[in-house]
Amino acid sequence: MAGLEIPSWDPETALLIGAILLEAFVLYVGYGGLERLVGPYLMDIIVGGDASAR
């Protein structure tokens, strides 16, 4: 049947998928840290502080 067979994994393909997942995780953590670091400063500049944004 089409679509039910088990694919054979090429080691290069598995390495590529792993690299993409690692990159996604690093970007997720990096942007989260950047938001914590720069976010309050930008809120002060754009809207005059956290209290005004609510």
N, C-alpha and C. Protein backbone atom coordinates (compact mmCIF):
# COMPACT_ATOMS: atom_id res chain seq x y z
N MET A 1 0.83 -1.19 0.00
CA MET A 1 0.00 0.00 0.00
C MET A 1 0.88 1.25 0.00
N ALA A 2 0.41 2.23 -0.65
CA ALA A 2 1.18 3.47 -0.73
C ALA A 2 1.09 4.22 0.59
N GLY A 3 2.22 4.70 1.05
CA GLY A 3 2.24 5.50 2.26
C GLY A 3 2.43 4.73 3.55
N LEU A 4 2.37 3.42 3.54
CA LEU A 4 2.50 2.64 4.75
C LEU A 4 3.87 1.97 4.89
N GLU A 5 4.68 2.08 3.89
CA GLU A 5 5.99 1.45 3.99
C GLU A 5 6.92 2.30 4.86
N ILE A 6 7.86 1.63 5.49
CA ILE A 6 8.80 2.31 6.39
C ILE A 6 9.93 2.89 5.54
N PRO A 7 10.18 4.20 5.68
CA PRO A 7 11.25 4.79 4.86
C PRO A 7 12.62 4.38 5.38
N SER A 8 13.55 4.24 4.47
CA SER A 8 14.92 3.98 4.89
C SER A 8 15.60 5.32 5.11
N TRP A 9 16.28 5.45 6.26
CA TRP A 9 16.90 6.72 6.62
C TRP A 9 18.33 6.77 6.14
N ASP A 10 18.63 7.83 5.47
CA ASP A 10 19.99 8.12 5.06
C ASP A 10 20.66 8.87 6.22
N PRO A 11 21.86 8.52 6.60
CA PRO A 11 22.52 9.22 7.71
C PRO A 11 22.66 10.73 7.47
N GLU A 12 22.87 11.12 6.23
CA GLU A 12 22.97 12.55 5.92
C GLU A 12 21.64 13.25 6.15
N THR A 13 20.55 12.59 5.83
CA THR A 13 19.23 13.17 6.05
C THR A 13 18.95 13.32 7.53
N ALA A 14 19.29 12.30 8.31
CA ALA A 14 19.10 12.37 9.75
C ALA A 14 19.95 13.49 10.35
N LEU A 15 21.17 13.66 9.87
CA LEU A 15 22.03 14.74 10.35
C LEU A 15 21.45 16.10 10.01
N LEU A 16 20.91 16.24 8.83
CA LEU A 16 20.28 17.50 8.41
C LEU A 16 19.08 17.83 9.28
N ILE A 17 18.24 16.84 9.54
CA ILE A 17 17.07 17.06 10.39
C ILE A 17 17.51 17.44 11.80
N GLY A 18 18.53 16.77 12.32
CA GLY A 18 19.05 17.10 13.64
C GLY A 18 19.60 18.52 13.69
N ALA A 19 20.32 18.93 12.65
CA ALA A 19 20.88 20.28 12.60
C ALA A 19 19.78 21.33 12.55
N ILE A 20 18.72 21.06 11.81
CA ILE A 20 17.60 22.00 11.72
C ILE A 20 16.89 22.11 13.07
N LEU A 21 16.69 20.99 13.75
CA LEU A 21 16.05 21.03 15.07
C LEU A 21 16.93 21.76 16.09
N LEU A 22 18.22 21.55 16.04
CA LEU A 22 19.14 22.24 16.94
C LEU A 22 19.13 23.74 16.67
N GLU A 23 19.13 24.12 15.41
CA GLU A 23 19.08 25.54 15.05
C GLU A 23 17.79 26.17 15.54
N ALA A 24 16.68 25.47 15.39
CA ALA A 24 15.39 26.00 15.86
C ALA A 24 15.40 26.20 17.37
N PHE A 25 15.98 25.26 18.11
CA PHE A 25 16.05 25.37 19.56
C PHE A 25 16.94 26.54 19.97
N VAL A 26 18.09 26.69 19.32
CA VAL A 26 19.01 27.79 19.64
C VAL A 26 18.35 29.14 19.35
N LEU A 27 17.66 29.24 18.23
CA LEU A 27 16.97 30.50 17.91
C LEU A 27 15.86 30.80 18.90
N TYR A 28 15.12 29.78 19.31
CA TYR A 28 14.03 29.95 20.28
C TYR A 28 14.58 30.48 21.60
N VAL A 29 15.64 29.85 22.09
CA VAL A 29 16.24 30.27 23.36
C VAL A 29 16.90 31.64 23.21
N GLY A 30 17.56 31.86 22.10
CA GLY A 30 18.24 33.14 21.87
C GLY A 30 17.29 34.31 21.80
N TYR A 31 16.20 34.15 21.06
CA TYR A 31 15.23 35.24 20.95
C TYR A 31 14.50 35.46 22.26
N GLY A 32 14.27 34.41 23.02
CA GLY A 32 13.66 34.56 24.35
C GLY A 32 14.55 35.36 25.28
N GLY A 33 15.84 35.06 25.27
CA GLY A 33 16.78 35.81 26.09
C GLY A 33 16.90 37.25 25.64
N LEU A 34 16.92 37.47 24.34
CA LEU A 34 17.00 38.82 23.81
C LEU A 34 15.76 39.63 24.19
N GLU A 35 14.61 38.98 24.16
CA GLU A 35 13.37 39.67 24.54
C GLU A 35 13.40 40.06 26.02
N ARG A 36 13.90 39.19 26.88
CA ARG A 36 14.00 39.51 28.31
C ARG A 36 14.98 40.65 28.55
N LEU A 37 16.05 40.68 27.77
CA LEU A 37 17.08 41.69 27.96
C LEU A 37 16.66 43.05 27.42
N VAL A 38 16.12 43.08 26.22
CA VAL A 38 15.83 44.33 25.52
C VAL A 38 14.36 44.74 25.64
N GLY A 39 13.48 43.80 25.94
CA GLY A 39 12.05 44.08 25.97
C GLY A 39 11.63 45.22 26.88
N PRO A 40 12.04 45.22 28.15
CA PRO A 40 11.63 46.32 29.03
C PRO A 40 12.15 47.69 28.55
N TYR A 41 13.34 47.71 28.02
CA TYR A 41 13.89 48.96 27.50
C TYR A 41 13.07 49.48 26.33
N LEU A 42 12.69 48.58 25.41
CA LEU A 42 11.86 48.99 24.27
C LEU A 42 10.47 49.43 24.71
N MET A 43 9.92 48.77 25.72
CA MET A 43 8.61 49.18 26.23
C MET A 43 8.67 50.59 26.77
N ASP A 44 9.74 50.93 27.47
CA ASP A 44 9.90 52.28 27.99
C ASP A 44 9.97 53.29 26.86
N ILE A 45 10.68 52.96 25.80
CA ILE A 45 10.82 53.89 24.67
C ILE A 45 9.51 54.04 23.90
N ILE A 46 8.87 52.92 23.60
CA ILE A 46 7.70 52.95 22.71
C ILE A 46 6.46 53.48 23.40
N VAL A 47 6.12 52.95 24.55
CA VAL A 47 4.85 53.32 25.19
C VAL A 47 5.01 53.98 26.55
N GLY A 48 6.21 54.21 26.98
CA GLY A 48 6.40 54.90 28.26
C GLY A 48 6.38 53.99 29.47
N GLY A 49 6.63 52.71 29.30
CA GLY A 49 6.70 51.80 30.43
C GLY A 49 5.71 50.67 30.34
N ASP A 50 5.85 49.70 31.25
CA ASP A 50 4.98 48.54 31.25
C ASP A 50 3.56 48.87 31.67
N ALA A 51 3.38 49.80 32.58
CA ALA A 51 2.05 50.12 33.10
C ALA A 51 1.15 50.71 32.01
N SER A 52 1.73 51.47 31.08
CA SER A 52 0.94 52.10 30.03
C SER A 52 0.47 51.09 28.99
N ALA A 53 1.16 49.98 28.88
CA ALA A 53 0.84 48.99 27.85
C ALA A 53 -0.38 48.16 28.19
N ARG A 54 -0.81 48.18 29.44
CA ARG A 54 -1.94 47.34 29.84
C ARG A 54 -3.26 48.00 29.61
